[in-house]
Every structure is written in structure tokens, then in C-alpha cells.
Amino acid sequence: MPVKKKNNSEAISIFTWNVNGIRAAQNKGFMDWFKRTNADIVCLQETKAQPEQLDDSVKNIPGYESHWFSAQKKGYSGVCIYSKPKPERVKLGLGNEYFDSEGRVIFAEYEKFVLANVYFPNGGRGPERVRYKLDFYNELFFQLDKNYLGRKGIIVTGDFNTAHKEIDLAEPDKNRKNSGFLPEEREWIDKLIRLGYVDVFRKFHKEEGLYTFWDQVTRKRESNLGWRIDYFMVSEDFADNIISSEVYMDVTGSDHCPVSIDVKI
């Protein structure tokens, strides 16, 4: 993949990627990809590692500061933010042990916006996890609205674990009863948009066949039978600052691919 070129000299680039294990990703060319992107901010989900389990080459990349939030359970969940611009403040978690034991969100506050890097729960293990997932959605956006709405732009990125519309997955009819495309999960995304958030990728791309996740077991990537479940949701008052958004379906190394935005600041 070529180096990412920004559309505006005053723009910054933000990437998000569920790496499905940062240590596994390291063995599949993660550092080469990182250097080629030359991104200003990189958000990772499902890092599956405690910081002490990682070597210095991935924790302390020259030119970036990194922030890690891990699950209590080893080898599970976890998020990370690498940032060239120094955040004014960084907050790990929601301040609620019920959610924070799973290491799912980091808030990084900058001058013009707050960035929430989130690994949303997967509801695939049954109704209780679907409920947990929806409760997590509610708590996250309650805190964002309470603490930032109207004061700074809000950017929420990561693996939402939900495809919103039929255009966002290759096989909607086969998945209507599966978590990730359940009516109550999709309705929550509708609610989010009604609350004033914009799925900025769809501002720039209306076409079908653009996905960010493919099941590895059934080798869905080979036939592009995927899901778009990795998003940038941006508050309406800041959405016009997003000048481009892309997916990088050719980037391997995980069952997800990276997504980016360019932000005018």
C-alpha cells in the first residue's frame, strides 16, 4: 500500500484497525504497514495483550506516544492509540468496572475534538451479550454527549460489531437473526444518527461491496463476502471537517482491514 497522502496541508490522518491480536499482527507485517501509512493517529482494537507482554518496538514507535488499555483477561479485547499530536488529556475506560474490565475504550482529547477509540462488544454469545453490547453503547454515548457535545467535535471510531444497512454486508438475508445484524443492534445505529452523529464513510462512498471484516474460518475474504462494521461516527457539528474517508481492503494481517479519515483542523 502506498503512503497515505492527505488532501490538505492542514489536515491530519486518523486510521482505525482491528488487528485481531497485536502480537500476531507484528508477525504479519504490522510495523511495515504502520510506517507506510505515515498516519498522525492510529487506533487499534482487539490488541489481545498487556503492555508488559509487548516489546519496545511496538510500544514506543519513534514520533508517537502510545496509550494502551487492556482487558483483565489476558489475550482478550484491548485497545491502543498511537498519536503524533500530543493529546491534552487521555482517559482509559468509562469509569465503570462492569465495562472497563474488558478494556474497550480510550478517550484522547485534542484542541478541536475528542477521539474515542472503541472495541464494541460482540453479541454473538447470546442474548445476555447483546444486552451488554447495547448497554455499553448507551453508556459510551451518554458520557460523550455529557462531557463533550457542543464543546468539541466528537469522533468515535473502532469496531462497532454491527452492520447498519443491507449495503453494509454481503449476505443480509442470511444474517438477520445473527448478532451484528439484529434489528435491535441496527436500530441503535439509527438512534445514534438521530442523536446527531454522521457515518462519514457513507458521505464519500455510496457504492456496494466495501467491507472491513471477513470471516476467516469460511474464507469469506476470497469472495469478498464481508461486513462493514468498522466506522468513524462524527458529531454533526464536526462532520464537515472530515474531508475524506477510505477503506483498505487490500491490507491483510487481520480478519479486518484498516479504515481512515482525513480531518481538517
Protein backbone atom coordinates (compact mmCIF):
# COMPACT_ATOMS: atom_id res chain seq x y z
CA MET A 1 0.00 0.00 0.00
CA PRO A 2 1.41 3.43 -0.88
CA VAL A 3 1.98 6.12 1.71
CA LYS A 4 -1.26 7.86 2.61
CA LYS A 5 -1.41 11.36 1.11
CA LYS A 6 -3.52 13.96 2.85
CA ASN A 7 -5.82 16.15 0.79
CA ASN A 8 -4.97 19.29 2.71
CA SER A 9 -1.73 20.51 4.29
CA GLU A 10 -3.67 21.42 7.43
CA ALA A 11 -5.35 18.01 7.68
CA ILE A 12 -4.42 15.13 9.91
CA SER A 13 -4.97 11.47 9.09
CA ILE A 14 -6.57 9.04 11.53
CA PHE A 15 -6.57 5.28 10.94
CA THR A 16 -8.53 2.60 12.73
CA TRP A 17 -7.85 -1.14 12.57
CA ASN A 18 -8.99 -4.19 14.49
CA VAL A 19 -5.73 -6.11 14.35
CA ASN A 20 -7.06 -9.34 15.95
CA GLY A 21 -4.00 -9.55 18.19
CA ILE A 22 -1.15 -7.05 18.01
CA ARG A 23 1.50 -9.74 18.52
CA ALA A 24 0.07 -11.81 15.67
CA ALA A 25 -0.14 -8.64 13.54
CA GLN A 26 3.54 -7.92 14.21
CA ASN A 27 4.37 -11.25 12.61
CA LYS A 28 2.24 -10.35 9.58
CA GLY A 29 3.87 -7.05 8.67
CA PHE A 30 2.16 -4.60 11.03
CA MET A 31 5.23 -2.41 11.50
CA ASP A 32 5.81 -2.14 7.75
CA TRP A 33 2.17 -1.13 7.29
CA PHE A 34 2.43 1.41 10.12
CA LYS A 35 5.45 3.10 8.59
CA ARG A 36 3.89 3.24 5.12
CA THR A 37 0.70 4.92 6.34
CA ASN A 38 2.63 7.75 7.99
CA ALA A 39 -0.61 8.45 9.88
CA ASP A 40 -0.94 11.14 12.51
CA ILE A 41 -3.12 8.97 14.76
CA VAL A 42 -3.64 5.19 14.67
CA CYS A 43 -6.36 3.47 16.69
CA LEU A 44 -6.16 -0.28 17.22
CA GLN A 45 -8.76 -2.65 18.62
CA GLU A 46 -8.58 -6.24 19.84
CA THR A 47 -4.92 -5.90 20.74
CA LYS A 48 -5.17 -9.01 22.97
CA ALA A 49 -2.12 -8.11 25.03
CA GLN A 50 -0.98 -6.49 28.25
CA PRO A 51 1.62 -3.74 27.67
CA GLU A 52 4.25 -5.74 29.57
CA GLN A 53 3.83 -8.55 27.04
CA LEU A 54 4.92 -6.29 24.17
CA ASP A 55 8.39 -5.39 23.05
CA ASP A 56 9.62 -1.83 22.83
CA SER A 57 9.45 -1.70 19.03
CA VAL A 58 5.65 -1.72 19.12
CA LYS A 59 5.11 0.18 22.38
CA ASN A 60 7.46 3.07 21.65
CA ILE A 61 7.39 3.90 17.95
CA PRO A 62 9.56 6.97 17.26
CA GLY A 63 7.50 10.12 16.74
CA TYR A 64 4.42 8.73 18.52
CA GLU A 65 3.19 8.42 22.03
CA SER A 66 1.09 5.33 22.70
CA HIS A 67 -1.69 4.62 25.17
CA TRP A 68 -2.89 1.10 25.96
CA PHE A 69 -5.98 -0.18 27.75
CA SER A 70 -6.13 -3.93 28.23
CA ALA A 71 -8.72 -6.37 29.46
CA GLN A 72 -8.21 -8.07 32.80
CA LYS A 73 -8.43 -11.38 30.97
CA LYS A 74 -5.18 -11.99 29.11
CA GLY A 75 -5.37 -12.48 25.36
CA TYR A 76 -8.76 -10.78 25.11
CA SER A 77 -10.07 -7.45 23.79
CA GLY A 78 -7.92 -4.34 24.38
CA VAL A 79 -7.40 -1.01 22.59
CA CYS A 80 -4.49 1.29 21.78
CA ILE A 81 -3.94 4.78 20.40
CA TYR A 82 -0.71 5.95 18.75
CA SER A 83 -0.57 9.71 18.31
CA LYS A 84 1.89 12.18 16.81
CA PRO A 85 -0.02 15.22 18.15
CA LYS A 86 0.09 15.18 21.94
CA PRO A 87 -3.39 14.81 23.43
CA GLU A 88 -4.42 17.34 26.04
CA ARG A 89 -5.90 14.52 28.11
CA VAL A 90 -6.23 10.75 27.86
CA LYS A 91 -8.81 8.70 29.73
CA LEU A 92 -8.79 4.92 29.87
CA GLY A 93 -12.23 3.38 30.13
CA LEU A 94 -15.68 4.55 31.11
CA GLY A 95 -15.06 4.61 34.85
CA ASN A 96 -17.37 1.63 35.27
CA GLU A 97 -15.84 -1.71 36.20
CA TYR A 98 -18.71 -3.59 34.56
CA PHE A 99 -17.39 -2.43 31.19
CA ASP A 100 -13.79 -1.49 31.92
CA SER A 101 -12.72 -4.99 32.95
CA GLU A 102 -12.86 -5.78 29.22
CA GLY A 103 -10.56 -2.92 28.14
CA ARG A 104 -12.75 -1.45 25.41
CA VAL A 105 -12.33 2.33 25.13
CA ILE A 106 -9.72 5.08 25.24
CA PHE A 107 -10.63 8.78 25.06
CA ALA A 108 -7.98 11.16 23.68
CA GLU A 109 -8.86 14.84 23.88
CA TYR A 110 -7.25 17.28 21.44
CA GLU A 111 -7.71 21.02 20.96
CA LYS A 112 -10.57 20.79 18.44
CA PHE A 113 -12.01 17.32 19.04
CA VAL A 114 -12.18 14.30 21.29
CA LEU A 115 -11.38 10.90 19.82
CA ALA A 116 -12.92 7.75 21.29
CA ASN A 117 -11.20 4.55 20.15
CA VAL A 118 -13.65 1.75 20.87
CA TYR A 119 -13.86 -2.01 20.59
CA PHE A 120 -17.60 -2.55 20.96
CA PRO A 121 -18.76 -5.86 22.44
CA ASN A 122 -19.75 -8.75 20.21
CA GLY A 123 -23.23 -10.05 20.94
CA GLY A 124 -22.65 -13.42 19.31
CA ARG A 125 -22.59 -15.43 22.52
CA GLY A 126 -26.30 -14.99 23.25
CA PRO A 127 -28.98 -12.55 24.47
CA GLU A 128 -27.04 -11.55 27.60
CA ARG A 129 -24.11 -10.34 25.50
CA VAL A 130 -26.42 -8.49 23.13
CA ARG A 131 -27.83 -6.70 26.17
CA TYR A 132 -24.31 -5.98 27.42
CA LYS A 133 -23.41 -4.61 23.99
CA LEU A 134 -26.40 -2.26 23.91
CA ASP A 135 -25.77 -1.15 27.50
CA PHE A 136 -22.18 -0.37 26.51
CA TYR A 137 -23.39 1.71 23.54
CA ASN A 138 -25.73 3.67 25.81
CA GLU A 139 -23.10 4.36 28.48
CA LEU A 140 -20.43 5.41 25.98
CA PHE A 141 -22.59 7.90 24.12
CA PHE A 142 -24.16 9.22 27.31
CA GLN A 143 -20.67 10.12 28.54
CA LEU A 144 -19.63 11.61 25.20
CA ASP A 145 -22.73 13.78 24.99
CA LYS A 146 -22.47 14.85 28.62
CA ASN A 147 -18.78 15.68 28.57
CA TYR A 148 -18.10 16.95 25.05
CA LEU A 149 -21.16 17.62 22.89
CA GLY A 150 -21.26 21.26 21.85
CA ARG A 151 -17.83 21.89 23.38
CA LYS A 152 -15.64 19.93 20.99
CA GLY A 153 -16.08 17.82 17.91
CA ILE A 154 -16.59 14.15 18.69
CA ILE A 155 -15.02 11.33 16.66
CA VAL A 156 -15.91 7.77 17.61
CA THR A 157 -14.01 5.08 15.79
CA GLY A 158 -13.40 1.38 16.01
CA ASP A 159 -15.02 -1.98 15.56
CA PHE A 160 -18.75 -1.37 16.19
CA ASN A 161 -19.53 -5.07 15.64
CA THR A 162 -22.74 -4.06 13.82
CA ALA A 163 -23.52 -3.63 10.13
CA HIS A 164 -26.03 -0.82 9.82
CA LYS A 165 -27.75 -1.24 6.47
CA GLU A 166 -28.09 -4.05 3.94
CA ILE A 167 -25.44 -2.35 1.84
CA ASP A 168 -23.03 -2.90 4.72
CA LEU A 169 -22.82 -6.68 4.41
CA ALA A 170 -22.72 -9.10 1.52
CA GLU A 171 -25.35 -11.55 2.77
CA PRO A 172 -28.03 -9.64 4.69
CA ASP A 173 -30.77 -12.24 4.27
CA LYS A 174 -28.60 -14.95 5.82
CA ASN A 175 -27.70 -12.83 8.84
CA ARG A 176 -30.90 -11.15 10.03
CA LYS A 177 -31.03 -13.40 13.09
CA ASN A 178 -27.30 -13.19 13.81
CA SER A 179 -25.67 -10.72 16.18
CA GLY A 180 -24.10 -7.94 14.18
CA PHE A 181 -27.23 -7.52 12.07
CA LEU A 182 -30.04 -7.95 14.60
CA PRO A 183 -32.88 -5.41 14.41
CA GLU A 184 -32.13 -4.04 17.89
CA GLU A 185 -28.45 -3.57 17.04
CA ARG A 186 -29.22 -1.83 13.75
CA GLU A 187 -31.83 0.33 15.47
CA TRP A 188 -29.18 1.52 17.87
CA ILE A 189 -27.14 2.83 14.95
CA ASP A 190 -30.30 4.55 13.67
CA LYS A 191 -30.71 6.09 17.11
CA LEU A 192 -27.11 7.25 17.08
CA ILE A 193 -27.65 9.03 13.78
CA ARG A 194 -30.83 10.62 15.11
CA LEU A 195 -28.79 11.85 18.06
CA GLY A 196 -26.64 13.79 15.62
CA TYR A 197 -23.78 11.53 14.55
CA VAL A 198 -22.68 11.04 10.95
CA ASP A 199 -21.33 7.85 9.39
CA VAL A 200 -18.75 9.85 7.47
CA PHE A 201 -17.58 7.00 5.26
CA ARG A 202 -21.01 6.93 3.61
CA LYS A 203 -20.73 10.66 2.90
CA PHE A 204 -17.99 9.81 0.42
CA HIS A 205 -18.85 6.26 -0.67
CA LYS A 206 -22.34 5.14 -1.68
CA GLU A 207 -21.27 2.02 -3.54
CA GLU A 208 -21.75 -1.61 -2.52
CA GLY A 209 -19.04 -4.17 -1.88
CA LEU A 210 -16.91 -2.09 0.50
CA TYR A 211 -16.32 -4.09 3.67
CA THR A 212 -13.98 -4.13 6.65
CA PHE A 213 -14.39 -7.65 8.08
CA TRP A 214 -14.44 -11.15 6.59
CA ASP A 215 -14.86 -14.43 8.45
CA GLN A 216 -11.54 -16.26 8.36
CA VAL A 217 -12.85 -19.73 9.11
CA THR A 218 -15.05 -19.80 5.99
CA ARG A 219 -12.51 -17.83 3.93
CA LYS A 220 -15.06 -15.18 3.03
CA ARG A 221 -12.38 -12.68 2.06
CA GLU A 222 -11.51 -14.62 -1.07
CA SER A 223 -15.01 -13.96 -2.46
CA ASN A 224 -15.48 -10.61 -0.68
CA LEU A 225 -18.45 -11.84 1.36
CA GLY A 226 -17.80 -9.33 4.09
CA TRP A 227 -19.25 -6.90 6.58
CA ARG A 228 -18.65 -3.18 7.10
CA ILE A 229 -18.54 -2.98 10.89
CA ASP A 230 -15.59 -0.61 11.44
CA TYR A 231 -16.69 3.02 11.46
CA PHE A 232 -15.93 6.65 12.05
CA MET A 233 -19.01 8.26 13.62
CA VAL A 234 -18.61 12.03 13.92
CA SER A 235 -20.80 14.61 15.63
CA GLU A 236 -22.72 16.75 13.14
CA ASP A 237 -21.02 19.95 14.27
CA PHE A 238 -17.66 18.50 13.23
CA ALA A 239 -18.63 16.32 10.27
CA ASP A 240 -17.75 18.97 7.67
CA ASN A 241 -14.16 18.82 8.95
CA ILE A 242 -13.86 15.31 7.54
CA ILE A 243 -12.54 15.75 4.02
CA SER A 244 -12.09 12.09 3.01
CA SER A 245 -12.59 8.54 4.23
CA GLU A 246 -11.23 5.29 2.79
CA VAL A 247 -11.14 1.56 3.41
CA TYR A 248 -8.03 -0.50 2.60
CA MET A 249 -9.39 -3.89 1.63
CA ASP A 250 -6.02 -4.95 0.20
CA VAL A 251 -4.33 -4.74 3.62
CA THR A 252 -4.13 -8.19 5.19
CA GLY A 253 -2.78 -9.33 8.54
CA SER A 254 -6.16 -9.49 10.31
CA ASP A 255 -9.74 -10.53 9.63
CA HIS A 256 -10.46 -6.78 9.49
CA CYS A 257 -8.91 -4.13 7.27
CA PRO A 258 -7.97 -0.53 8.14
CA VAL A 259 -10.23 2.49 7.63
CA SER A 260 -9.08 6.12 7.55
CA ILE A 261 -10.30 9.70 7.62
CA ASP A 262 -8.59 12.98 6.87
CA VAL A 263 -9.57 15.72 9.31
CA LYS A 264 -9.27 19.44 8.59
CA ILE A 265 -8.11 21.19 11.74
